[in-house]
Amino acid sequence: MDKITLGMVGLGYWGPNLLRNFTQLDGCRMKTCCDLEEDTLKRLKAQYPDIETTSDYESLLNDAEIQAVVLAVSAVKHYELAKLAILHNKHVFVEKPLTLNVLHAEELVQLAQQNNVKLMVGHLMEYHPAVEKLKQMIQNHELGNIYYLYSQRVNLGRIRKDENALWSLAPHDISIIMYLLESEPIDVSARGQSYLQKGVEDVVFLNMVFPDKIMAHVQLSWLDPHKIRRTTIVGSEKMAVFDDMDPSEMIRVYNKGVTSGVGYGSFGESLSLRFGDVTIPYIKMVEPLRLECQHFIDCIKNNKQPRSDGIDGLRVVKVLRAAQESLDKGGIPVSLGDKP
């Protein structure tokens, strides 16, 4: 099959990273980039002289040569621009979150199915080699039964005005946790505060309850002295920590736990702590964004469903919507089972 011809919309914060990766892949050709800022298009043309530029999205969509569209625009524009692309029979890669509305996400999933095009969401961390390693460990039962998980995604900046820390940061951790557990939460609760801008929560603490008594906690903030990207998984046999900020020791596995003995007078006396070795598995590191972009092209070429497809994106939006409802109601748990 010939190279997949792409068009791209949005060259702001994240767009240049996507552009760099797609232009370096052998299986595709970036034909046209679209942005409303003329200065941005001029800079792009200087760096990529072979790529056409436009500020007219309709002209990009009406180009019969373009088979797929990459959307790296503000989340408030995802639904509108993705829908137009699907209706023009283009495959769509859209950054996370898929939409800001569950009904809109459901509509995009349905439209993609009806028009027989691929809809893929930029849940980047699902393509991270370290996350893949953790998933293998869980599937192989190396950690035992999973008890709970918690993650931190905090930093000083980048502060947004059109979405809060929940919608901006949590899609990464929600997608990681559901991908690892292969499960959706039963209920969700969230508490947060707006310190810098009224009505835009800078700090959010998110809690999720999964089947089999598994709990997950996510700390989100763009108002923090540390830059932390860490996920901890506690199992009945071992515990694992994934630190995305430590390239040399991304995963540490702790052979620690609590064991039950026999022949004691009470249950409390039968429990003992177990301390073992700490191991650091080898991770063959490839840029996750490169793997994600390659996966999109491969799915188009081979007519396969993307790992982070529209349905995966919809699941994350449902959790975000329930968390926002809990946030608005002061932290009361919101059941996912009650949601359409």
C-alpha atoms as a PDB file:
ATOM      1  CA  MET A   1       0.000   0.000   0.000  1.00  0.00           C
ATOM      2  CA  ASP A   2       1.225   3.489  -0.835  1.00  0.00           C
ATOM      3  CA  LYS A   3       1.997   6.068   1.804  1.00  0.00           C
ATOM      4  CA  ILE A   4      -0.938   7.440   3.792  1.00  0.00           C
ATOM      5  CA  THR A   5      -1.431  11.132   2.976  1.00  0.00           C
ATOM      6  CA  LEU A   6      -2.133  13.294   6.018  1.00  0.00           C
ATOM      7  CA  GLY A   7      -3.449  16.721   6.833  1.00  0.00           C
ATOM      8  CA  MET A   8      -2.917  18.320  10.211  1.00  0.00           C
ATOM      9  CA  VAL A   9      -4.739  21.025  12.157  1.00  0.00           C
ATOM     10  CA  GLY A  10      -3.189  22.912  15.076  1.00  0.00           C
ATOM     11  CA  LEU A  11       0.482  23.837  15.443  1.00  0.00           C
ATOM     12  CA  GLY A  12       0.492  25.295  18.929  1.00  0.00           C
ATOM     13  CA  TYR A  13       1.807  23.585  22.054  1.00  0.00           C
ATOM     14  CA  TRP A  14       1.645  19.889  21.123  1.00  0.00           C
ATOM     15  CA  GLY A  15       1.160  20.042  17.368  1.00  0.00           C
ATOM     16  CA  PRO A  16       4.869  20.449  16.480  1.00  0.00           C
ATOM     17  CA  ASN A  17       5.676  17.206  18.328  1.00  0.00           C
ATOM     18  CA  LEU A  18       3.087  15.295  16.336  1.00  0.00           C
ATOM     19  CA  LEU A  19       4.262  16.912  13.123  1.00  0.00           C
ATOM     20  CA  ARG A  20       7.880  15.961  13.804  1.00  0.00           C
ATOM     21  CA  ASN A  21       6.961  12.325  14.343  1.00  0.00           C
ATOM     22  CA  PHE A  22       4.591  11.942  11.406  1.00  0.00           C
ATOM     23  CA  THR A  23       7.074  13.562   9.010  1.00  0.00           C
ATOM     24  CA  GLN A  24       9.758  11.091  10.111  1.00  0.00           C
ATOM     25  CA  LEU A  25       7.656   7.982   9.481  1.00  0.00           C
ATOM     26  CA  ASP A  26       8.196   6.108   6.226  1.00  0.00           C
ATOM     27  CA  GLY A  27       4.576   5.019   5.892  1.00  0.00           C
ATOM     28  CA  CYS A  28       2.971   8.421   5.554  1.00  0.00           C
ATOM     29  CA  ARG A  29       3.281  11.834   3.916  1.00  0.00           C
ATOM     30  CA  MET A  30       2.226  15.073   5.571  1.00  0.00           C
ATOM     31  CA  LYS A  31       0.729  17.096   2.717  1.00  0.00           C
ATOM     32  CA  THR A  32      -1.017  20.055   4.371  1.00  0.00           C
ATOM     33  CA  CYS A  33      -0.972  21.816   7.740  1.00  0.00           C
ATOM     34  CA  CYS A  34      -3.721  24.161   8.878  1.00  0.00           C
ATOM     35  CA  ASP A  35      -3.584  26.866  11.531  1.00  0.00           C
ATOM     36  CA  LEU A  36      -5.317  30.211  12.073  1.00  0.00           C
ATOM     37  CA  GLU A  37      -2.065  32.007  12.932  1.00  0.00           C
ATOM     38  CA  GLU A  38      -0.257  33.232   9.808  1.00  0.00           C
ATOM     39  CA  ASP A  39       3.036  33.655  11.688  1.00  0.00           C
ATOM     40  CA  THR A  40       2.835  30.029  12.785  1.00  0.00           C
ATOM     41  CA  LEU A  41       2.316  28.904   9.195  1.00  0.00           C
ATOM     42  CA  LYS A  42       5.283  30.988   8.030  1.00  0.00           C
ATOM     43  CA  ARG A  43       7.553  29.389  10.618  1.00  0.00           C
ATOM     44  CA  LEU A  44       6.331  25.948   9.614  1.00  0.00           C
ATOM     45  CA  LYS A  45       6.947  26.672   5.918  1.00  0.00           C
ATOM     46  CA  ALA A  46      10.504  27.713   6.698  1.00  0.00           C
ATOM     47  CA  GLN A  47      11.126  24.446   8.539  1.00  0.00           C
ATOM     48  CA  TYR A  48       9.107  22.157   6.249  1.00  0.00           C
ATOM     49  CA  PRO A  49       9.147  23.757   2.776  1.00  0.00           C
ATOM     50  CA  ASP A  50       7.504  20.736   1.117  1.00  0.00           C
ATOM     51  CA  ILE A  51       4.387  20.923   3.293  1.00  0.00           C
ATOM     52  CA  GLU A  52       1.484  23.045   2.051  1.00  0.00           C
ATOM     53  CA  THR A  53      -0.082  25.486   4.515  1.00  0.00           C
ATOM     54  CA  THR A  54      -3.570  26.902   4.860  1.00  0.00           C
ATOM     55  CA  SER A  55      -5.842  28.640   7.333  1.00  0.00           C
ATOM     56  CA  ASP A  56      -8.942  27.150   5.672  1.00  0.00           C
ATOM     57  CA  TYR A  57      -9.969  23.829   7.222  1.00  0.00           C
ATOM     58  CA  GLU A  58     -12.613  23.229   4.542  1.00  0.00           C
ATOM     59  CA  SER A  59      -9.996  23.280   1.789  1.00  0.00           C
ATOM     60  CA  LEU A  60      -8.002  20.632   3.656  1.00  0.00           C
ATOM     61  CA  LEU A  61     -11.096  18.449   4.018  1.00  0.00           C
ATOM     62  CA  ASN A  62     -12.023  18.855   0.347  1.00  0.00           C
ATOM     63  CA  ASP A  63      -8.606  17.621  -0.771  1.00  0.00           C
ATOM     64  CA  ALA A  64      -9.304  14.131  -2.107  1.00  0.00           C
ATOM     65  CA  GLU A  65      -5.635  13.177  -1.710  1.00  0.00           C
ATOM     66  CA  ILE A  66      -5.734  13.564   2.078  1.00  0.00           C
ATOM     67  CA  GLN A  67      -6.820  10.294   3.674  1.00  0.00           C
ATOM     68  CA  ALA A  68      -6.449  11.138   7.367  1.00  0.00           C
ATOM     69  CA  VAL A  69      -6.539  14.217   9.573  1.00  0.00           C
ATOM     70  CA  VAL A  70      -4.497  14.838  12.730  1.00  0.00           C
ATOM     71  CA  LEU A  71      -6.162  17.228  15.202  1.00  0.00           C
ATOM     72  CA  ALA A  72      -3.971  18.989  17.773  1.00  0.00           C
ATOM     73  CA  VAL A  73      -6.365  21.792  18.639  1.00  0.00           C
ATOM     74  CA  SER A  74      -8.016  22.974  21.857  1.00  0.00           C
ATOM     75  CA  ALA A  75     -10.296  20.345  23.408  1.00  0.00           C
ATOM     76  CA  VAL A  76     -13.345  22.570  22.889  1.00  0.00           C
ATOM     77  CA  LYS A  77     -12.821  22.168  19.124  1.00  0.00           C
ATOM     78  CA  HIS A  78     -12.342  18.397  19.061  1.00  0.00           C
ATOM     79  CA  TYR A  79     -15.972  17.454  18.462  1.00  0.00           C
ATOM     80  CA  GLU A  80     -16.650  19.982  15.733  1.00  0.00           C
ATOM     81  CA  LEU A  81     -13.465  19.401  13.722  1.00  0.00           C
ATOM     82  CA  ALA A  82     -13.422  15.609  14.163  1.00  0.00           C
ATOM     83  CA  LYS A  83     -17.046  15.338  13.065  1.00  0.00           C
ATOM     84  CA  LEU A  84     -16.376  17.343   9.893  1.00  0.00           C
ATOM     85  CA  ALA A  85     -13.384  15.162   9.065  1.00  0.00           C
ATOM     86  CA  ILE A  86     -15.337  11.924   9.577  1.00  0.00           C
ATOM     87  CA  LEU A  87     -18.209  13.221   7.418  1.00  0.00           C
ATOM     88  CA  HIS A  88     -15.605  13.853   4.706  1.00  0.00           C
ATOM     89  CA  ASN A  89     -14.562  10.186   5.057  1.00  0.00           C
ATOM     90  CA  LYS A  90     -11.181  10.979   6.591  1.00  0.00           C
ATOM     91  CA  HIS A  91      -9.537   8.852   9.259  1.00  0.00           C
ATOM     92  CA  VAL A  92      -9.048  10.932  12.402  1.00  0.00           C
ATOM     93  CA  PHE A  93      -6.343  11.137  15.057  1.00  0.00           C
ATOM     94  CA  VAL A  94      -7.508  13.526  17.781  1.00  0.00           C
ATOM     95  CA  GLU A  95      -5.638  14.537  20.898  1.00  0.00           C
ATOM     96  CA  LYS A  96      -7.065  13.739  24.338  1.00  0.00           C
ATOM     97  CA  PRO A  97      -9.707  14.105  25.614  1.00  0.00           C
ATOM     98  CA  LEU A  98     -11.836  12.919  22.695  1.00  0.00           C
ATOM     99  CA  THR A  99     -14.528  15.504  23.527  1.00  0.00           C
ATOM    100  CA  LEU A 100     -15.780  17.450  26.534  1.00  0.00           C
ATOM    101  CA  ASN A 101     -19.235  15.870  26.292  1.00  0.00           C
ATOM    102  CA  VAL A 102     -20.289  12.210  26.494  1.00  0.00           C
ATOM    103  CA  LEU A 103     -23.026  12.538  23.867  1.00  0.00           C
ATOM    104  CA  HIS A 104     -20.563  14.150  21.467  1.00  0.00           C
ATOM    105  CA  ALA A 105     -18.073  11.317  22.050  1.00  0.00           C
ATOM    106  CA  GLU A 106     -20.782   8.717  21.438  1.00  0.00           C
ATOM    107  CA  GLU A 107     -21.771  10.479  18.222  1.00  0.00           C
ATOM    108  CA  LEU A 108     -18.185  10.501  16.921  1.00  0.00           C
ATOM    109  CA  VAL A 109     -17.800   6.777  17.661  1.00  0.00           C
ATOM    110  CA  GLN A 110     -21.025   6.039  15.799  1.00  0.00           C
ATOM    111  CA  LEU A 111     -20.147   8.262  12.836  1.00  0.00           C
ATOM    112  CA  ALA A 112     -16.718   6.657  12.495  1.00  0.00           C
ATOM    113  CA  GLN A 113     -18.320   3.217  12.399  1.00  0.00           C
ATOM    114  CA  GLN A 114     -20.932   4.326   9.858  1.00  0.00           C
ATOM    115  CA  ASN A 115     -18.335   5.922   7.584  1.00  0.00           C
ATOM    116  CA  ASN A 116     -15.862   3.055   8.023  1.00  0.00           C
ATOM    117  CA  VAL A 117     -12.987   5.280   9.118  1.00  0.00           C
ATOM    118  CA  LYS A 118     -10.507   4.949  11.976  1.00  0.00           C
ATOM    119  CA  LEU A 119     -11.008   7.200  15.002  1.00  0.00           C
ATOM    120  CA  MET A 120      -8.004   7.243  17.334  1.00  0.00           C
ATOM    121  CA  VAL A 121      -7.495   9.279  20.502  1.00  0.00           C
ATOM    122  CA  GLY A 122      -4.083  10.480  21.688  1.00  0.00           C
ATOM    123  CA  HIS A 123      -3.940   8.477  24.914  1.00  0.00           C
ATOM    124  CA  LEU A 124      -0.165   8.656  24.699  1.00  0.00           C
ATOM    125  CA  MET A 125       0.657   6.676  27.827  1.00  0.00           C
ATOM    126  CA  GLU A 126      -1.007   3.531  26.511  1.00  0.00           C
ATOM    127  CA  TYR A 127       1.911   3.347  24.068  1.00  0.00           C
ATOM    128  CA  HIS A 128       4.649   3.917  26.641  1.00  0.00           C
ATOM    129  CA  PRO A 129       7.030   0.910  26.794  1.00  0.00           C
ATOM    130  CA  ALA A 130       7.075   1.097  30.613  1.00  0.00           C
ATOM    131  CA  VAL A 131       3.263   0.929  30.769  1.00  0.00           C
ATOM    132  CA  GLU A 132       3.396  -2.042  28.409  1.00  0.00           C
ATOM    133  CA  LYS A 133       5.836  -3.727  30.794  1.00  0.00           C
ATOM    134  CA  LEU A 134       3.540  -3.096  33.755  1.00  0.00           C
ATOM    135  CA  LYS A 135       0.611  -4.562  31.843  1.00  0.00           C
ATOM    136  CA  GLN A 136       2.617  -7.707  31.077  1.00  0.00           C
ATOM    137  CA  MET A 137       3.513  -8.051  34.755  1.00  0.00           C
ATOM    138  CA  ILE A 138      -0.127  -7.731  35.785  1.00  0.00           C
ATOM    139  CA  GLN A 139      -1.284 -10.202  33.125  1.00  0.00           C
ATOM    140  CA  ASN A 140       1.402 -12.677  34.207  1.00  0.00           C
ATOM    141  CA  HIS A 141       0.258 -12.256  37.824  1.00  0.00           C
ATOM    142  CA  GLU A 142       3.770 -11.226  38.878  1.00  0.00           C
ATOM    143  CA  LEU A 143       2.348  -8.663  41.312  1.00  0.00           C
ATOM    144  CA  GLY A 144      -0.347 -11.018  42.586  1.00  0.00           C
ATOM    145  CA  ASN A 145      -3.863  -9.659  43.036  1.00  0.00           C
ATOM    146  CA  ILE A 146      -3.957  -5.909  42.502  1.00  0.00           C
ATOM    147  CA  TYR A 147      -5.062  -4.077  45.647  1.00  0.00           C
ATOM    148  CA  TYR A 148      -4.809  -0.426  44.669  1.00  0.00           C
ATOM    149  CA  LEU A 149      -3.020   2.118  42.472  1.00  0.00           C
ATOM    150  CA  TYR A 150      -2.171   5.769  42.880  1.00  0.00           C
ATOM    151  CA  SER A 151      -0.565   8.299  40.605  1.00  0.00           C
ATOM    152  CA  GLN A 152       0.744  11.863  40.715  1.00  0.00           C
ATOM    153  CA  ARG A 153       0.760  14.208  37.743  1.00  0.00           C
ATOM    154  CA  VAL A 154       1.853  17.564  39.128  1.00  0.00           C
ATOM    155  CA  ASN A 155       3.995  20.469  37.945  1.00  0.00           C
ATOM    156  CA  LEU A 156       4.269  24.259  38.075  1.00  0.00           C
ATOM    157  CA  GLY A 157       2.424  25.175  34.797  1.00  0.00           C
ATOM    158  CA  ARG A 158       1.212  24.859  32.042  1.00  0.00           C
ATOM    159  CA  ILE A 159      -1.876  26.792  33.192  1.00  0.00           C
ATOM    160  CA  ARG A 160      -4.934  26.613  30.943  1.00  0.00           C
ATOM    161  CA  LYS A 161      -7.994  28.840  30.799  1.00  0.00           C
ATOM    162  CA  ASP A 162     -10.457  26.718  28.813  1.00  0.00           C
ATOM    163  CA  GLU A 163     -10.177  23.502  30.854  1.00  0.00           C
ATOM    164  CA  ASN A 164      -9.327  22.636  34.453  1.00  0.00           C
ATOM    165  CA  ALA A 165      -6.598  20.339  35.754  1.00  0.00           C
ATOM    166  CA  LEU A 166      -9.017  17.387  35.691  1.00  0.00           C
ATOM    167  CA  TRP A 167      -9.759  17.587  31.960  1.00  0.00           C
ATOM    168  CA  SER A 168      -6.239  18.672  31.032  1.00  0.00           C
ATOM    169  CA  LEU A 169      -4.173  16.166  33.024  1.00  0.00           C
ATOM    170  CA  ALA A 170      -6.362  13.272  34.182  1.00  0.00           C
ATOM    171  CA  PRO A 171      -6.967  11.649  30.753  1.00  0.00           C
ATOM    172  CA  HIS A 172      -3.398  10.317  30.908  1.00  0.00           C
ATOM    173  CA  ASP A 173      -3.841   8.609  34.282  1.00  0.00           C
ATOM    174  CA  ILE A 174      -7.411   7.447  33.706  1.00  0.00           C
ATOM    175  CA  SER A 175      -6.396   5.819  30.426  1.00  0.00           C
ATOM    176  CA  ILE A 176      -3.300   4.218  32.028  1.00  0.00           C
ATOM    177  CA  ILE A 177      -5.280   2.772  34.945  1.00  0.00           C
ATOM    178  CA  MET A 178      -8.143   1.415  32.828  1.00  0.00           C
ATOM    179  CA  TYR A 179      -5.655   0.007  30.302  1.00  0.00           C
ATOM    180  CA  LEU A 180      -3.683  -1.788  33.030  1.00  0.00           C
ATOM    181  CA  LEU A 181      -6.753  -3.131  34.820  1.00  0.00           C
ATOM    182  CA  GLU A 182      -8.766  -3.817  31.655  1.00  0.00           C
ATOM    183  CA  SER A 183     -11.733  -2.525  33.615  1.00  0.00           C
ATOM    184  CA  GLU A 184     -13.885   0.563  34.114  1.00  0.00           C
ATOM    185  CA  PRO A 185     -14.575   2.175  37.502  1.00  0.00           C
ATOM    186  CA  ILE A 186     -17.820   1.543  39.345  1.00  0.00           C
ATOM    187  CA  ASP A 187     -17.909   4.992  40.874  1.00  0.00           C
ATOM    188  CA  VAL A 188     -15.840   8.166  40.895  1.00  0.00           C
ATOM    189  CA  SER A 189     -15.342  11.036  43.329  1.00  0.00           C
ATOM    190  CA  ALA A 190     -13.268  14.206  43.059  1.00  0.00           C
ATOM    191  CA  ARG A 191     -12.411  17.252  45.146  1.00  0.00           C
ATOM    192  CA  GLY A 192     -10.596  20.320  43.872  1.00  0.00           C
ATOM    193  CA  GLN A 193      -9.985  24.021  44.270  1.00  0.00           C
ATOM    194  CA  SER A 194      -9.550  27.067  42.018  1.00  0.00           C
ATOM    195  CA  TYR A 195      -6.647  29.114  43.376  1.00  0.00           C
ATOM    196  CA  LEU A 196      -5.443  31.041  40.332  1.00  0.00           C
ATOM    197  CA  GLN A 197      -8.547  31.487  38.188  1.00  0.00           C
ATOM    198  CA  LYS A 198     -12.138  31.516  39.392  1.00  0.00           C
ATOM    199  CA  GLY A 199     -14.030  28.457  38.233  1.00  0.00           C
ATOM    200  CA  VAL A 200     -10.956  26.663  36.846  1.00  0.00           C
ATOM    201  CA  GLU A 201      -9.651  24.065  39.300  1.00  0.00           C
ATOM    202  CA  ASP A 202      -5.844  24.083  39.470  1.00  0.00           C
ATOM    203  CA  VAL A 203      -5.697  21.154  41.893  1.00  0.00           C
ATOM    204  CA  VAL A 204      -7.869  18.013  41.817  1.00  0.00           C
ATOM    205  CA  PHE A 205      -7.809  14.805  43.854  1.00  0.00           C
ATOM    206  CA  LEU A 206      -9.584  12.028  41.955  1.00  0.00           C
ATOM    207  CA  ASN A 207     -10.685   8.680  43.399  1.00  0.00           C
ATOM    208  CA  MET A 208     -12.001   5.681  41.491  1.00  0.00           C
ATOM    209  CA  VAL A 209     -13.403   2.364  42.737  1.00  0.00           C
ATOM    210  CA  PHE A 210     -13.091  -0.654  40.422  1.00  0.00           C
ATOM    211  CA  PRO A 211     -14.525  -4.177  40.650  1.00  0.00           C
ATOM    212  CA  ASP A 212     -12.836  -6.628  43.039  1.00  0.00           C
ATOM    213  CA  LYS A 213     -12.323  -3.846  45.630  1.00  0.00           C
ATOM    214  CA  ILE A 214      -9.515  -2.248  43.592  1.00  0.00           C
ATOM    215  CA  MET A 215      -9.084   1.461  44.338  1.00  0.00           C
ATOM    216  CA  ALA A 216      -7.225   4.147  42.402  1.00  0.00           C
ATOM    217  CA  HIS A 217      -6.261   7.666  43.458  1.00  0.00           C
ATOM    218  CA  VAL A 218      -4.927  10.402  41.151  1.00  0.00           C
ATOM    219  CA  GLN A 219      -3.370  13.691  42.292  1.00  0.00           C
ATOM    220  CA  LEU A 220      -3.479  16.413  39.641  1.00  0.00           C
ATOM    221  CA  SER A 221      -2.034  19.909  39.801  1.00  0.00           C
ATOM    222  CA  TRP A 222      -0.343  22.575  37.712  1.00  0.00           C
ATOM    223  CA  LEU A 223       0.393  24.489  40.935  1.00  0.00           C
ATOM    224  CA  ASP A 224       3.121  22.428  42.597  1.00  0.00           C
ATOM    225  CA  PRO A 225       6.833  22.916  43.317  1.00  0.00           C
ATOM    226  CA  HIS A 226       7.732  19.493  41.875  1.00  0.00           C
ATOM    227  CA  LYS A 227       7.363  17.921  38.463  1.00  0.00           C
ATOM    228  CA  ILE A 228       6.189  14.405  39.202  1.00  0.00           C
ATOM    229  CA  ARG A 229       4.866  11.747  36.824  1.00  0.00           C
ATOM    230  CA  ARG A 230       4.663   8.625  38.964  1.00  0.00           C
ATOM    231  CA  THR A 231       2.335   5.633  39.238  1.00  0.00           C
ATOM    232  CA  THR A 232       2.449   3.069  42.071  1.00  0.00           C
ATOM    233  CA  ILE A 233       0.758  -0.340  41.920  1.00  0.00           C
ATOM    234  CA  VAL A 234       0.332  -2.385  45.083  1.00  0.00           C
ATOM    235  CA  GLY A 235      -0.360  -6.100  44.689  1.00  0.00           C
ATOM    236  CA  SER A 236      -0.623  -9.060  47.037  1.00  0.00           C
ATOM    237  CA  GLU A 237       2.801 -10.394  45.978  1.00  0.00           C
ATOM    238  CA  LYS A 238       4.835  -7.398  44.830  1.00  0.00           C
ATOM    239  CA  MET A 239       4.627  -3.641  44.356  1.00  0.00           C
ATOM    240  CA  ALA A 240       5.727  -1.661  41.302  1.00  0.00           C
ATOM    241  CA  VAL A 241       6.545   2.017  40.787  1.00  0.00           C
ATOM    242  CA  PHE A 242       6.679   3.663  37.361  1.00  0.00           C
ATOM    243  CA  ASP A 243       8.534   6.983  37.407  1.00  0.00           C
ATOM    244  CA  ASP A 244       8.330   8.690  34.021  1.00  0.00           C
ATOM    245  CA  MET A 245      10.848  11.317  35.163  1.00  0.00           C
ATOM    246  CA  ASP A 246      13.607   8.746  35.753  1.00  0.00           C
ATOM    247  CA  PRO A 247      14.808   7.521  32.337  1.00  0.00           C
ATOM    248  CA  SER A 248      17.402   5.140  33.790  1.00  0.00           C
ATOM    249  CA  GLU A 249      15.136   3.380  36.313  1.00  0.00           C
ATOM    250  CA  MET A 250      11.600   3.854  35.013  1.00  0.00           C
ATOM    251  CA  ILE A 251      10.188   0.822  36.820  1.00  0.00           C
ATOM    252  CA  ARG A 252      11.176  -0.500  40.230  1.00  0.00           C
ATOM    253  CA  VAL A 253       9.619  -3.726  41.482  1.00  0.00           C
ATOM    254  CA  TYR A 254       9.558  -4.237  45.253  1.00  0.00           C
ATOM    255  CA  ASN A 255       9.310  -7.799  46.503  1.00  0.00           C
ATOM    256  CA  LYS A 256       7.430  -6.660  49.580  1.00  0.00           C
ATOM    257  CA  GLY A 257       4.144  -7.655  51.100  1.00  0.00           C
ATOM    258  CA  VAL A 258       2.244  -9.082  54.026  1.00  0.00           C
ATOM    259  CA  THR A 259       2.074 -12.842  54.536  1.00  0.00           C
ATOM    260  CA  SER A 260      -0.310 -14.871  56.665  1.00  0.00           C
ATOM    261  CA  GLY A 261       0.974 -17.545  58.982  1.00  0.00           C
ATOM    262  CA  VAL A 262      -0.829 -20.376  60.748  1.00  0.00           C
ATOM    263  CA  GLY A 263      -0.979 -21.568  64.314  1.00  0.00           C
ATOM    264  CA  TYR A 264      -1.291 -18.157  65.954  1.00  0.00           C
ATOM    265  CA  GLY A 265      -3.787 -17.227  68.575  1.00  0.00           C
ATOM    266  CA  SER A 266      -5.352 -14.353  66.628  1.00  0.00           C
ATOM    267  CA  PHE A 267      -5.585 -13.077  63.065  1.00  0.00           C
ATOM    268  CA  GLY A 268      -3.441 -10.045  63.860  1.00  0.00           C
ATOM    269  CA  GLU A 269      -0.644 -12.222  65.192  1.00  0.00           C
ATOM    270  CA  SER A 270      -0.683 -14.335  62.010  1.00  0.00           C
ATOM    271  CA  LEU A 271       0.250 -11.426  59.753  1.00  0.00           C
ATOM    272  CA  SER A 272       3.912 -10.686  59.110  1.00  0.00           C
ATOM    273  CA  LEU A 273       5.724  -8.222  56.879  1.00  0.00           C
ATOM    274  CA  ARG A 274       7.873  -9.550  54.071  1.00  0.00           C
ATOM    275  CA  PHE A 275      10.839  -7.563  52.687  1.00  0.00           C
ATOM    276  CA  GLY A 276      12.650  -8.776  49.583  1.00  0.00           C
ATOM    277  CA  ASP A 277      14.792  -7.470  46.759  1.00  0.00           C
ATOM    278  CA  VAL A 278      14.158  -4.430  44.608  1.00  0.00           C
ATOM    279  CA  THR A 279      14.529  -5.181  40.891  1.00  0.00           C
ATOM    280  CA  ILE A 280      14.731  -2.793  37.937  1.00  0.00           C
ATOM    281  CA  PRO A 281      13.408  -4.419  34.740  1.00  0.00           C
ATOM    282  CA  TYR A 282      15.051  -3.513  31.445  1.00  0.00           C
ATOM    283  CA  ILE A 283      12.868  -1.265  29.304  1.00  0.00           C
ATOM    284  CA  LYS A 284      13.702  -0.924  25.621  1.00  0.00           C
ATOM    285  CA  MET A 285      12.795   2.726  25.326  1.00  0.00           C
ATOM    286  CA  VAL A 286      11.284   4.176  22.169  1.00  0.00           C
ATOM    287  CA  GLU A 287       9.590   7.562  22.151  1.00  0.00           C
ATOM    288  CA  PRO A 288       5.935   6.824  23.045  1.00  0.00           C
ATOM    289  CA  LEU A 289       4.701   9.489  20.631  1.00  0.00           C
ATOM    290  CA  ARG A 290       6.577   7.801  17.781  1.00  0.00           C
ATOM    291  CA  LEU A 291       4.930   4.474  18.660  1.00  0.00           C
ATOM    292  CA  GLU A 292       1.518   6.137  18.874  1.00  0.00           C
ATOM    293  CA  CYS A 293       1.865   7.847  15.481  1.00  0.00           C
ATOM    294  CA  GLN A 294       3.140   4.648  13.864  1.00  0.00           C
ATOM    295  CA  HIS A 295       0.207   2.736  15.340  1.00  0.00           C
ATOM    296  CA  PHE A 296      -2.266   5.146  13.709  1.00  0.00           C
ATOM    297  CA  ILE A 297      -0.676   4.663  10.286  1.00  0.00           C
ATOM    298  CA  ASP A 298      -0.471   0.877  10.720  1.00  0.00           C
ATOM    299  CA  CYS A 299      -4.148   0.657  11.679  1.00  0.00           C
ATOM    300  CA  ILE A 300      -5.163   2.532   8.526  1.00  0.00           C
ATOM    301  CA  LYS A 301      -2.922   0.419   6.293  1.00  0.00           C
ATOM    302  CA  ASN A 302      -3.922  -2.914   7.845  1.00  0.00           C
ATOM    303  CA  ASN A 303      -7.565  -2.029   8.584  1.00  0.00           C
ATOM    304  CA  LYS A 304      -7.169  -2.686  12.303  1.00  0.00           C
ATOM    305  CA  GLN A 305      -8.858  -1.057  15.261  1.00  0.00           C
ATOM    306  CA  PRO A 306      -6.573   1.365  17.142  1.00  0.00           C
ATOM    307  CA  ARG A 307      -5.674   0.490  20.724  1.00  0.00           C
ATOM    308  CA  SER A 308      -6.898   3.894  21.889  1.00  0.00           C
ATOM    309  CA  ASP A 309      -9.899   3.997  19.581  1.00  0.00           C
ATOM    310  CA  GLY A 310     -13.034   6.078  19.896  1.00  0.00           C
ATOM    311  CA  ILE A 311     -14.568   3.607  22.335  1.00  0.00           C
ATOM    312  CA  ASP A 312     -11.513   3.908  24.575  1.00  0.00           C
ATOM    313  CA  GLY A 313     -11.784   7.696  24.298  1.00  0.00           C
ATOM    314  CA  LEU A 314     -15.481   7.521  25.186  1.00  0.00           C
ATOM    315  CA  ARG A 315     -14.740   5.488  28.334  1.00  0.00           C
ATOM    316  CA  VAL A 316     -12.291   8.144  29.505  1.00  0.00           C
ATOM    317  CA  VAL A 317     -14.759  10.958  28.778  1.00  0.00           C
ATOM    318  CA  LYS A 318     -17.417   9.145  30.828  1.00  0.00           C
ATOM    319  CA  VAL A 319     -15.066   8.968  33.811  1.00  0.00           C
ATOM    320  CA  LEU A 320     -14.118  12.635  33.378  1.00  0.00           C
ATOM    321  CA  ARG A 321     -17.777  13.660  33.192  1.00  0.00           C
ATOM    322  CA  ALA A 322     -18.603  11.709  36.374  1.00  0.00           C
ATOM    323  CA  ALA A 323     -15.562  13.207  38.115  1.00  0.00           C
ATOM    324  CA  GLN A 324     -16.612  16.719  37.084  1.00  0.00           C
ATOM    325  CA  GLU A 325     -20.115  16.070  38.442  1.00  0.00           C
ATOM    326  CA  SER A 326     -18.601  14.929  41.738  1.00  0.00           C
ATOM    327  CA  LEU A 327     -16.314  17.975  41.738  1.00  0.00           C
ATOM    328  CA  ASP A 328     -19.296  20.287  41.239  1.00  0.00           C
ATOM    329  CA  LYS A 329     -21.181  18.574  44.089  1.00  0.00           C
ATOM    330  CA  GLY A 330     -18.391  18.818  46.647  1.00  0.00           C
ATOM    331  CA  GLY A 331     -16.906  15.364  46.209  1.00  0.00           C
ATOM    332  CA  ILE A 332     -19.878  13.010  46.531  1.00  0.00           C
ATOM    333  CA  PRO A 333     -19.324   9.685  44.723  1.00  0.00           C
ATOM    334  CA  VAL A 334     -20.957   9.425  41.296  1.00  0.00           C
ATOM    335  CA  SER A 335     -21.843   5.977  40.016  1.00  0.00           C
ATOM    336  CA  LEU A 336     -20.814   5.145  36.458  1.00  0.00           C
ATOM    337  CA  GLY A 337     -23.585   2.567  36.350  1.00  0.00           C
ATOM    338  CA  ASP A 338     -26.164   5.342  36.503  1.00  0.00           C
ATOM    339  CA  LYS A 339     -24.686   7.067  33.452  1.00  0.00           C
ATOM    340  CA  PRO A 340     -25.814   6.400  29.881  1.00  0.00           C
END
